[in-house]
All heavy atoms as atom14 arrays in JSON, in Angstrom:
{
  "sequence": "GMASPVGNGNNSQGTLDLSSLEAIATDAAALVQHLNLFVCNNGLTE",
  "atom14_mask": [
    [1, 1, 1, 1, 0, 0, 0, 0, 0, 0, 0, 0, 0, 0],
    [1, 1, 1, 1, 1, 1, 1, 1, 0, 0, 0, 0, 0, 0],
    [1, 1, 1, 1, 1, 0, 0, 0, 0, 0, 0, 0, 0, 0],
    [1, 1, 1, 1, 1, 1, 0, 0, 0, 0, 0, 0, 0, 0],
    [1, 1, 1, 1, 1, 1, 1, 0, 0, 0, 0, 0, 0, 0],
    [1, 1, 1, 1, 1, 1, 1, 0, 0, 0, 0, 0, 0, 0],
    [1, 1, 1, 1, 0, 0, 0, 0, 0, 0, 0, 0, 0, 0],
    [1, 1, 1, 1, 1, 1, 1, 1, 0, 0, 0, 0, 0, 0],
    [1, 1, 1, 1, 0, 0, 0, 0, 0, 0, 0, 0, 0, 0],
    [1, 1, 1, 1, 1, 1, 1, 1, 0, 0, 0, 0, 0, 0],
    [1, 1, 1, 1, 1, 1, 1, 1, 0, 0, 0, 0, 0, 0],
    [1, 1, 1, 1, 1, 1, 0, 0, 0, 0, 0, 0, 0, 0],
    [1, 1, 1, 1, 1, 1, 1, 1, 1, 0, 0, 0, 0, 0],
    [1, 1, 1, 1, 0, 0, 0, 0, 0, 0, 0, 0, 0, 0],
    [1, 1, 1, 1, 1, 1, 1, 0, 0, 0, 0, 0, 0, 0],
    [1, 1, 1, 1, 1, 1, 1, 1, 0, 0, 0, 0, 0, 0],
    [1, 1, 1, 1, 1, 1, 1, 1, 0, 0, 0, 0, 0, 0],
    [1, 1, 1, 1, 1, 1, 1, 1, 0, 0, 0, 0, 0, 0],
    [1, 1, 1, 1, 1, 1, 0, 0, 0, 0, 0, 0, 0, 0],
    [1, 1, 1, 1, 1, 1, 0, 0, 0, 0, 0, 0, 0, 0],
    [1, 1, 1, 1, 1, 1, 1, 1, 0, 0, 0, 0, 0, 0],
    [1, 1, 1, 1, 1, 1, 1, 1, 1, 0, 0, 0, 0, 0],
    [1, 1, 1, 1, 1, 0, 0, 0, 0, 0, 0, 0, 0, 0],
    [1, 1, 1, 1, 1, 1, 1, 1, 0, 0, 0, 0, 0, 0],
    [1, 1, 1, 1, 1, 0, 0, 0, 0, 0, 0, 0, 0, 0],
    [1, 1, 1, 1, 1, 1, 1, 0, 0, 0, 0, 0, 0, 0],
    [1, 1, 1, 1, 1, 1, 1, 1, 0, 0, 0, 0, 0, 0],
    [1, 1, 1, 1, 1, 0, 0, 0, 0, 0, 0, 0, 0, 0],
    [1, 1, 1, 1, 1, 0, 0, 0, 0, 0, 0, 0, 0, 0],
    [1, 1, 1, 1, 1, 0, 0, 0, 0, 0, 0, 0, 0, 0],
    [1, 1, 1, 1, 1, 1, 1, 1, 0, 0, 0, 0, 0, 0],
    [1, 1, 1, 1, 1, 1, 1, 0, 0, 0, 0, 0, 0, 0],
    [1, 1, 1, 1, 1, 1, 1, 1, 1, 0, 0, 0, 0, 0],
    [1, 1, 1, 1, 1, 1, 1, 1, 1, 1, 0, 0, 0, 0],
    [1, 1, 1, 1, 1, 1, 1, 1, 0, 0, 0, 0, 0, 0],
    [1, 1, 1, 1, 1, 1, 1, 1, 0, 0, 0, 0, 0, 0],
    [1, 1, 1, 1, 1, 1, 1, 1, 0, 0, 0, 0, 0, 0],
    [1, 1, 1, 1, 1, 1, 1, 1, 1, 1, 1, 0, 0, 0],
    [1, 1, 1, 1, 1, 1, 1, 0, 0, 0, 0, 0, 0, 0],
    [1, 1, 1, 1, 1, 1, 0, 0, 0, 0, 0, 0, 0, 0],
    [1, 1, 1, 1, 1, 1, 1, 1, 0, 0, 0, 0, 0, 0],
    [1, 1, 1, 1, 1, 1, 1, 1, 0, 0, 0, 0, 0, 0],
    [1, 1, 1, 1, 0, 0, 0, 0, 0, 0, 0, 0, 0, 0],
    [1, 1, 1, 1, 1, 1, 1, 1, 0, 0, 0, 0, 0, 0],
    [1, 1, 1, 1, 1, 1, 1, 0, 0, 0, 0, 0, 0, 0],
    [1, 1, 1, 1, 1, 1, 1, 1, 1, 0, 0, 0, 0, 0]
  ],
  "atom14_positions": [
    [[2.47, 7.7, -7.1], [1.78, 8.71, -6.32], [0.82, 9.54, -7.17], [0.62, 9.3, -8.34], [0.0, 0.0, 0.0], [0.0, 0.0, 0.0], [0.0, 0.0, 0.0], [0.0, 0.0, 0.0], [0.0, 0.0, 0.0], [0.0, 0.0, 0.0], [0.0, 0.0, 0.0], [0.0, 0.0, 0.0], [0.0, 0.0, 0.0], [0.0, 0.0, 0.0]],
    [[0.23, 10.52, -6.51], [-0.73, 11.42, -7.15], [-0.09, 12.78, -7.29], [0.5, 13.3, -6.35], [-1.98, 11.5, -6.28], [-3.1, 12.29, -6.84], [-3.93, 11.34, -8.13], [-5.13, 12.54, -8.66], [0.0, 0.0, 0.0], [0.0, 0.0, 0.0], [0.0, 0.0, 0.0], [0.0, 0.0, 0.0], [0.0, 0.0, 0.0], [0.0, 0.0, 0.0]],
    [[-0.19, 13.35, -8.48], [0.38, 14.69, -8.72], [-0.49, 15.74, -8.04], [-1.65, 15.51, -7.76], [0.46, 14.97, -10.21], [0.0, 0.0, 0.0], [0.0, 0.0, 0.0], [0.0, 0.0, 0.0], [0.0, 0.0, 0.0], [0.0, 0.0, 0.0], [0.0, 0.0, 0.0], [0.0, 0.0, 0.0], [0.0, 0.0, 0.0], [0.0, 0.0, 0.0]],
    [[0.1, 16.87, -7.8], [-0.68, 17.96, -7.19], [-1.81, 18.36, -8.14], [-1.67, 18.22, -9.36], [0.22, 19.15, -6.9], [0.73, 19.68, -8.09], [0.0, 0.0, 0.0], [0.0, 0.0, 0.0], [0.0, 0.0, 0.0], [0.0, 0.0, 0.0], [0.0, 0.0, 0.0], [0.0, 0.0, 0.0], [0.0, 0.0, 0.0], [0.0, 0.0, 0.0]],
    [[-2.92, 18.84, -7.61], [-4.08, 19.15, -8.45], [-3.79, 20.13, -9.58], [-4.43, 20.07, -10.61], [-5.08, 19.75, -7.47], [-4.66, 19.27, -6.13], [-3.17, 19.08, -6.21], [0.0, 0.0, 0.0], [0.0, 0.0, 0.0], [0.0, 0.0, 0.0], [0.0, 0.0, 0.0], [0.0, 0.0, 0.0], [0.0, 0.0, 0.0], [0.0, 0.0, 0.0]],
    [[-2.84, 21.01, -9.39], [-2.54, 21.99, -10.44], [-1.29, 21.63, -11.22], [-0.89, 22.35, -12.11], [-2.41, 23.42, -9.86], [-3.73, 23.89, -9.31], [-1.32, 23.48, -8.81], [0.0, 0.0, 0.0], [0.0, 0.0, 0.0], [0.0, 0.0, 0.0], [0.0, 0.0, 0.0], [0.0, 0.0, 0.0], [0.0, 0.0, 0.0], [0.0, 0.0, 0.0]],
    [[-0.69, 20.5, -10.89], [0.54, 20.09, -11.55], [0.29, 19.47, -12.9], [-0.84, 19.2, -13.28], [0.0, 0.0, 0.0], [0.0, 0.0, 0.0], [0.0, 0.0, 0.0], [0.0, 0.0, 0.0], [0.0, 0.0, 0.0], [0.0, 0.0, 0.0], [0.0, 0.0, 0.0], [0.0, 0.0, 0.0], [0.0, 0.0, 0.0], [0.0, 0.0, 0.0]],
    [[1.34, 19.24, -13.61], [1.23, 18.64, -14.94], [1.68, 17.18, -14.94], [1.95, 16.62, -15.98], [2.05, 19.45, -15.95], [3.53, 19.45, -15.61], [3.96, 18.79, -14.65], [4.31, 20.17, -16.38], [0.0, 0.0, 0.0], [0.0, 0.0, 0.0], [0.0, 0.0, 0.0], [0.0, 0.0, 0.0], [0.0, 0.0, 0.0], [0.0, 0.0, 0.0]],
    [[1.75, 16.56, -13.77], [2.18, 15.18, -13.7], [3.62, 15.03, -13.27], [4.06, 13.95, -12.97], [0.0, 0.0, 0.0], [0.0, 0.0, 0.0], [0.0, 0.0, 0.0], [0.0, 0.0, 0.0], [0.0, 0.0, 0.0], [0.0, 0.0, 0.0], [0.0, 0.0, 0.0], [0.0, 0.0, 0.0], [0.0, 0.0, 0.0], [0.0, 0.0, 0.0]],
    [[4.36, 16.11, -13.24], [5.76, 16.06, -12.82], [5.91, 16.53, -11.38], [6.99, 16.53, -10.82], [6.62, 16.94, -13.72], [6.62, 16.45, -15.14], [6.67, 15.25, -15.38], [6.54, 17.37, -16.08], [0.0, 0.0, 0.0], [0.0, 0.0, 0.0], [0.0, 0.0, 0.0], [0.0, 0.0, 0.0], [0.0, 0.0, 0.0], [0.0, 0.0, 0.0]],
    [[4.83, 16.95, -10.79], [4.83, 17.6, -9.5], [4.18, 16.67, -8.47], [3.07, 16.91, -8.04], [4.05, 18.91, -9.65], [4.46, 19.95, -8.67], [5.38, 19.73, -7.9], [3.78, 21.08, -8.7], [0.0, 0.0, 0.0], [0.0, 0.0, 0.0], [0.0, 0.0, 0.0], [0.0, 0.0, 0.0], [0.0, 0.0, 0.0], [0.0, 0.0, 0.0]],
    [[4.83, 15.6, -8.1], [4.22, 14.56, -7.28], [4.0, 15.0, -5.85], [4.81, 15.7, -5.26], [5.11, 13.32, -7.28], [4.54, 12.32, -6.46], [0.0, 0.0, 0.0], [0.0, 0.0, 0.0], [0.0, 0.0, 0.0], [0.0, 0.0, 0.0], [0.0, 0.0, 0.0], [0.0, 0.0, 0.0], [0.0, 0.0, 0.0], [0.0, 0.0, 0.0]],
    [[2.88, 14.55, -5.29], [2.62, 14.73, -3.86], [3.27, 13.6, -3.08], [3.15, 13.54, -1.87], [1.11, 14.75, -3.59], [0.43, 15.96, -4.15], [-1.07, 15.92, -3.89], [-1.65, 14.9, -3.58], [-1.71, 17.07, -4.04], [0.0, 0.0, 0.0], [0.0, 0.0, 0.0], [0.0, 0.0, 0.0], [0.0, 0.0, 0.0], [0.0, 0.0, 0.0]],
    [[3.9, 12.7, -3.77], [4.57, 11.58, -3.11], [3.8, 10.28, -3.23], [2.62, 10.26, -3.55], [0.0, 0.0, 0.0], [0.0, 0.0, 0.0], [0.0, 0.0, 0.0], [0.0, 0.0, 0.0], [0.0, 0.0, 0.0], [0.0, 0.0, 0.0], [0.0, 0.0, 0.0], [0.0, 0.0, 0.0], [0.0, 0.0, 0.0], [0.0, 0.0, 0.0]],
    [[4.5, 9.23, -3.0], [3.89, 7.91, -3.05], [3.46, 7.51, -1.65], [3.72, 8.2, -0.67], [4.87, 6.87, -3.61], [6.05, 6.89, -2.81], [5.22, 7.17, -5.05], [0.0, 0.0, 0.0], [0.0, 0.0, 0.0], [0.0, 0.0, 0.0], [0.0, 0.0, 0.0], [0.0, 0.0, 0.0], [0.0, 0.0, 0.0], [0.0, 0.0, 0.0]],
    [[2.8, 6.39, -1.57], [2.35, 5.87, -0.28], [3.54, 5.5, 0.59], [4.57, 5.06, 0.09], [1.5, 4.62, -0.49], [0.2, 4.8, -1.27], [-0.41, 3.43, -1.55], [-0.76, 5.67, -0.51], [0.0, 0.0, 0.0], [0.0, 0.0, 0.0], [0.0, 0.0, 0.0], [0.0, 0.0, 0.0], [0.0, 0.0, 0.0], [0.0, 0.0, 0.0]],
    [[3.38, 5.66, 1.88], [4.41, 5.2, 2.82], [4.15, 3.72, 3.09], [3.21, 3.36, 3.8], [4.34, 6.0, 4.12], [5.37, 5.53, 5.14], [6.19, 4.64, 4.83], [5.34, 6.05, 6.26], [0.0, 0.0, 0.0], [0.0, 0.0, 0.0], [0.0, 0.0, 0.0], [0.0, 0.0, 0.0], [0.0, 0.0, 0.0], [0.0, 0.0, 0.0]],
    [[4.95, 2.88, 2.49], [4.77, 1.44, 2.6], [5.73, 0.8, 3.6], [5.9, -0.41, 3.61], [4.94, 0.79, 1.23], [3.98, 1.25, 0.14], [4.3, 0.57, -1.18], [2.54, 1.0, 0.53], [0.0, 0.0, 0.0], [0.0, 0.0, 0.0], [0.0, 0.0, 0.0], [0.0, 0.0, 0.0], [0.0, 0.0, 0.0], [0.0, 0.0, 0.0]],
    [[6.35, 1.61, 4.45], [7.37, 1.08, 5.36], [6.84, -0.01, 6.28], [7.54, -0.98, 6.54], [8.01, 2.21, 6.17], [7.04, 2.91, 6.91], [0.0, 0.0, 0.0], [0.0, 0.0, 0.0], [0.0, 0.0, 0.0], [0.0, 0.0, 0.0], [0.0, 0.0, 0.0], [0.0, 0.0, 0.0], [0.0, 0.0, 0.0], [0.0, 0.0, 0.0]],
    [[5.61, 0.1, 6.74], [5.06, -0.95, 7.61], [4.86, -2.25, 6.84], [5.03, -3.34, 7.38], [3.76, -0.51, 8.27], [2.76, -0.3, 7.29], [0.0, 0.0, 0.0], [0.0, 0.0, 0.0], [0.0, 0.0, 0.0], [0.0, 0.0, 0.0], [0.0, 0.0, 0.0], [0.0, 0.0, 0.0], [0.0, 0.0, 0.0], [0.0, 0.0, 0.0]],
    [[4.52, -2.14, 5.55], [4.37, -3.34, 4.72], [5.73, -3.91, 4.35], [5.91, -5.13, 4.31], [3.57, -3.02, 3.46], [2.14, -2.55, 3.66], [1.49, -2.25, 2.32], [1.32, -3.57, 4.43], [0.0, 0.0, 0.0], [0.0, 0.0, 0.0], [0.0, 0.0, 0.0], [0.0, 0.0, 0.0], [0.0, 0.0, 0.0], [0.0, 0.0, 0.0]],
    [[6.68, -3.05, 4.07], [8.02, -3.5, 3.71], [8.67, -4.27, 4.86], [9.45, -5.19, 4.64], [8.88, -2.31, 3.3], [8.44, -1.7, 1.98], [9.15, -0.39, 1.65], [10.07, 0.01, 2.39], [8.77, 0.24, 0.65], [0.0, 0.0, 0.0], [0.0, 0.0, 0.0], [0.0, 0.0, 0.0], [0.0, 0.0, 0.0], [0.0, 0.0, 0.0]],
    [[8.3, -3.93, 6.1], [8.87, -4.6, 7.27], [8.49, -6.07, 7.33], [9.21, -6.88, 7.92], [8.42, -3.89, 8.55], [0.0, 0.0, 0.0], [0.0, 0.0, 0.0], [0.0, 0.0, 0.0], [0.0, 0.0, 0.0], [0.0, 0.0, 0.0], [0.0, 0.0, 0.0], [0.0, 0.0, 0.0], [0.0, 0.0, 0.0], [0.0, 0.0, 0.0]],
    [[7.38, -6.44, 6.71], [6.94, -7.85, 6.73], [6.94, -8.48, 5.33], [6.51, -9.61, 5.16], [5.54, -8.0, 7.36], [4.49, -7.17, 6.61], [5.58, -7.65, 8.84], [3.07, -7.39, 7.07], [0.0, 0.0, 0.0], [0.0, 0.0, 0.0], [0.0, 0.0, 0.0], [0.0, 0.0, 0.0], [0.0, 0.0, 0.0], [0.0, 0.0, 0.0]],
    [[7.42, -7.75, 4.33], [7.32, -8.18, 2.94], [8.18, -9.38, 2.58], [7.95, -10.01, 1.55], [7.62, -7.02, 2.0], [0.0, 0.0, 0.0], [0.0, 0.0, 0.0], [0.0, 0.0, 0.0], [0.0, 0.0, 0.0], [0.0, 0.0, 0.0], [0.0, 0.0, 0.0], [0.0, 0.0, 0.0], [0.0, 0.0, 0.0], [0.0, 0.0, 0.0]],
    [[9.16, -9.73, 3.4], [9.96, -10.93, 3.08], [9.11, -12.18, 3.24], [9.41, -13.2, 2.62], [11.21, -11.02, 3.98], [10.8, -11.01, 5.34], [12.17, -9.88, 3.7], [0.0, 0.0, 0.0], [0.0, 0.0, 0.0], [0.0, 0.0, 0.0], [0.0, 0.0, 0.0], [0.0, 0.0, 0.0], [0.0, 0.0, 0.0], [0.0, 0.0, 0.0]],
    [[8.06, -12.12, 4.04], [7.13, -13.25, 4.23], [5.84, -12.91, 3.49], [4.99, -12.18, 4.01], [6.87, -13.45, 5.72], [5.96, -14.63, 6.03], [5.28, -15.13, 5.1], [5.9, -15.03, 7.2], [0.0, 0.0, 0.0], [0.0, 0.0, 0.0], [0.0, 0.0, 0.0], [0.0, 0.0, 0.0], [0.0, 0.0, 0.0], [0.0, 0.0, 0.0]],
    [[5.7, -13.44, 2.27], [4.55, -13.09, 1.43], [3.22, -13.43, 2.09], [2.27, -12.65, 2.02], [4.66, -13.8, 0.09], [0.0, 0.0, 0.0], [0.0, 0.0, 0.0], [0.0, 0.0, 0.0], [0.0, 0.0, 0.0], [0.0, 0.0, 0.0], [0.0, 0.0, 0.0], [0.0, 0.0, 0.0], [0.0, 0.0, 0.0], [0.0, 0.0, 0.0]],
    [[3.14, -14.56, 2.75], [1.89, -14.95, 3.41], [1.54, -13.98, 4.52], [0.37, -13.58, 4.67], [1.99, -16.37, 3.94], [0.0, 0.0, 0.0], [0.0, 0.0, 0.0], [0.0, 0.0, 0.0], [0.0, 0.0, 0.0], [0.0, 0.0, 0.0], [0.0, 0.0, 0.0], [0.0, 0.0, 0.0], [0.0, 0.0, 0.0], [0.0, 0.0, 0.0]],
    [[2.51, -13.56, 5.31], [2.26, -12.6, 6.39], [1.83, -11.25, 5.82], [0.95, -10.59, 6.37], [3.51, -12.45, 7.26], [0.0, 0.0, 0.0], [0.0, 0.0, 0.0], [0.0, 0.0, 0.0], [0.0, 0.0, 0.0], [0.0, 0.0, 0.0], [0.0, 0.0, 0.0], [0.0, 0.0, 0.0], [0.0, 0.0, 0.0], [0.0, 0.0, 0.0]],
    [[2.45, -10.85, 4.72], [2.11, -9.59, 4.07], [0.66, -9.61, 3.61], [-0.11, -8.69, 3.88], [3.06, -9.34, 2.89], [2.76, -8.14, 2.0], [2.85, -6.83, 2.79], [3.72, -8.13, 0.81], [0.0, 0.0, 0.0], [0.0, 0.0, 0.0], [0.0, 0.0, 0.0], [0.0, 0.0, 0.0], [0.0, 0.0, 0.0], [0.0, 0.0, 0.0]],
    [[0.27, -10.67, 2.92], [-1.09, -10.77, 2.4], [-2.09, -10.88, 3.55], [-3.17, -10.28, 3.52], [-1.22, -11.93, 1.4], [-2.67, -12.17, 1.0], [-0.36, -11.65, 0.17], [0.0, 0.0, 0.0], [0.0, 0.0, 0.0], [0.0, 0.0, 0.0], [0.0, 0.0, 0.0], [0.0, 0.0, 0.0], [0.0, 0.0, 0.0], [0.0, 0.0, 0.0]],
    [[-1.74, -11.64, 4.58], [-2.62, -11.76, 5.75], [-2.83, -10.38, 6.39], [-3.95, -10.03, 6.77], [-2.02, -12.73, 6.76], [-2.88, -12.95, 7.98], [-2.23, -13.91, 8.97], [-1.05, -14.23, 8.87], [-3.01, -14.38, 9.91], [0.0, 0.0, 0.0], [0.0, 0.0, 0.0], [0.0, 0.0, 0.0], [0.0, 0.0, 0.0], [0.0, 0.0, 0.0]],
    [[-1.77, -9.61, 6.52], [-1.85, -8.26, 7.09], [-2.76, -7.37, 6.24], [-3.64, -6.68, 6.78], [-0.43, -7.68, 7.17], [-0.37, -6.28, 7.68], [-0.38, -5.99, 9.04], [-0.32, -5.09, 7.04], [-0.32, -4.68, 9.2], [-0.28, -4.12, 8.0], [0.0, 0.0, 0.0], [0.0, 0.0, 0.0], [0.0, 0.0, 0.0], [0.0, 0.0, 0.0]],
    [[-2.55, -7.35, 4.93], [-3.38, -6.54, 4.05], [-4.83, -7.01, 4.06], [-5.76, -6.19, 4.07], [-2.83, -6.58, 2.62], [-1.56, -5.78, 2.38], [-1.0, -6.09, 1.0], [-1.82, -4.29, 2.54], [0.0, 0.0, 0.0], [0.0, 0.0, 0.0], [0.0, 0.0, 0.0], [0.0, 0.0, 0.0], [0.0, 0.0, 0.0], [0.0, 0.0, 0.0]],
    [[-5.03, -8.31, 4.07], [-6.39, -8.84, 4.11], [-7.12, -8.36, 5.37], [-8.26, -7.94, 5.31], [-6.35, -10.37, 4.05], [-7.73, -10.98, 3.93], [-8.66, -10.37, 3.4], [-7.88, -12.18, 4.43], [0.0, 0.0, 0.0], [0.0, 0.0, 0.0], [0.0, 0.0, 0.0], [0.0, 0.0, 0.0], [0.0, 0.0, 0.0], [0.0, 0.0, 0.0]],
    [[-6.44, -8.39, 6.49], [-7.06, -7.96, 7.74], [-7.31, -6.46, 7.77], [-8.42, -6.01, 8.03], [-6.18, -8.37, 8.93], [-6.65, -7.86, 10.3], [-8.01, -8.46, 10.65], [-5.61, -8.21, 11.36], [0.0, 0.0, 0.0], [0.0, 0.0, 0.0], [0.0, 0.0, 0.0], [0.0, 0.0, 0.0], [0.0, 0.0, 0.0], [0.0, 0.0, 0.0]],
    [[-6.28, -5.67, 7.48], [-6.39, -4.23, 7.67], [-7.0, -3.46, 6.51], [-7.49, -2.35, 6.69], [-5.02, -3.64, 8.03], [-4.59, -4.02, 9.41], [-3.65, -5.03, 9.59], [-5.15, -3.42, 10.52], [-3.26, -5.41, 10.87], [-4.77, -3.8, 11.8], [-3.82, -4.79, 11.98], [0.0, 0.0, 0.0], [0.0, 0.0, 0.0], [0.0, 0.0, 0.0]],
    [[-6.98, -4.03, 5.32], [-7.54, -3.33, 4.17], [-8.88, -3.94, 3.75], [-9.79, -3.24, 3.35], [-6.56, -3.32, 2.97], [-7.16, -2.63, 1.76], [-5.25, -2.66, 3.36], [0.0, 0.0, 0.0], [0.0, 0.0, 0.0], [0.0, 0.0, 0.0], [0.0, 0.0, 0.0], [0.0, 0.0, 0.0], [0.0, 0.0, 0.0], [0.0, 0.0, 0.0]],
    [[-8.99, -5.26, 3.9], [-10.19, -5.95, 3.41], [-11.06, -6.54, 4.51], [-12.02, -7.26, 4.21], [-9.78, -7.08, 2.47], [-8.97, -6.51, 1.0], [0.0, 0.0, 0.0], [0.0, 0.0, 0.0], [0.0, 0.0, 0.0], [0.0, 0.0, 0.0], [0.0, 0.0, 0.0], [0.0, 0.0, 0.0], [0.0, 0.0, 0.0], [0.0, 0.0, 0.0]],
    [[-10.73, -6.29, 5.77], [-11.5, -6.84, 6.87], [-11.68, -8.36, 6.72], [-12.76, -8.9, 6.89], [-12.86, -6.14, 6.98], [-13.57, -6.43, 8.28], [-12.94, -6.67, 9.3], [-14.89, -6.44, 8.24], [0.0, 0.0, 0.0], [0.0, 0.0, 0.0], [0.0, 0.0, 0.0], [0.0, 0.0, 0.0], [0.0, 0.0, 0.0], [0.0, 0.0, 0.0]],
    [[-10.6, -9.04, 6.34], [-10.58, -10.48, 6.1], [-11.58, -10.93, 5.04], [-12.15, -12.01, 5.11], [-10.79, -11.27, 7.4], [-9.55, -11.28, 8.25], [-8.43, -11.34, 7.74], [-9.73, -11.22, 9.56], [0.0, 0.0, 0.0], [0.0, 0.0, 0.0], [0.0, 0.0, 0.0], [0.0, 0.0, 0.0], [0.0, 0.0, 0.0], [0.0, 0.0, 0.0]],
    [[-11.78, -10.09, 4.03], [-12.76, -10.38, 2.99], [-12.23, -11.09, 1.76], [-13.01, -11.5, 0.9], [0.0, 0.0, 0.0], [0.0, 0.0, 0.0], [0.0, 0.0, 0.0], [0.0, 0.0, 0.0], [0.0, 0.0, 0.0], [0.0, 0.0, 0.0], [0.0, 0.0, 0.0], [0.0, 0.0, 0.0], [0.0, 0.0, 0.0], [0.0, 0.0, 0.0]],
    [[-10.9, -11.25, 1.63], [-10.36, -11.95, 0.46], [-10.65, -13.44, 0.55], [-10.59, -14.03, 1.63], [-8.85, -11.75, 0.35], [-8.33, -10.36, 0.02], [-6.81, -10.36, 0.0], [-8.89, -9.86, -1.29], [0.0, 0.0, 0.0], [0.0, 0.0, 0.0], [0.0, 0.0, 0.0], [0.0, 0.0, 0.0], [0.0, 0.0, 0.0], [0.0, 0.0, 0.0]],
    [[-10.93, -14.04, -0.59], [-11.12, -15.49, -0.62], [-9.76, -16.18, -0.53], [-8.72, -15.54, -0.74], [-11.81, -15.93, -1.93], [-10.91, -15.68, -3.02], [-13.14, -15.22, -2.15], [0.0, 0.0, 0.0], [0.0, 0.0, 0.0], [0.0, 0.0, 0.0], [0.0, 0.0, 0.0], [0.0, 0.0, 0.0], [0.0, 0.0, 0.0], [0.0, 0.0, 0.0]],
    [[-9.78, -17.46, -0.24], [-8.53, -18.23, -0.19], [-7.81, -18.21, -1.54], [-6.59, -18.08, -1.59], [-8.81, -19.68, 0.23], [-9.24, -19.82, 1.68], [-8.15, -19.46, 2.67], [-6.96, -19.73, 2.39], [-8.49, -18.87, 3.72], [0.0, 0.0, 0.0], [0.0, 0.0, 0.0], [0.0, 0.0, 0.0], [0.0, 0.0, 0.0], [0.0, 0.0, 0.0]]
  ]
}
């Protein structure tokens, strides 16, 4: 995660909520397909 702007690195604002990705992470191909669509607009090469 990213620390608060005035923190010294020990004061985290938290990490990303990856629960939606974790729900499909047992299937690597489905996970990558999901990320490719929603993050890259299907722009990743094969």
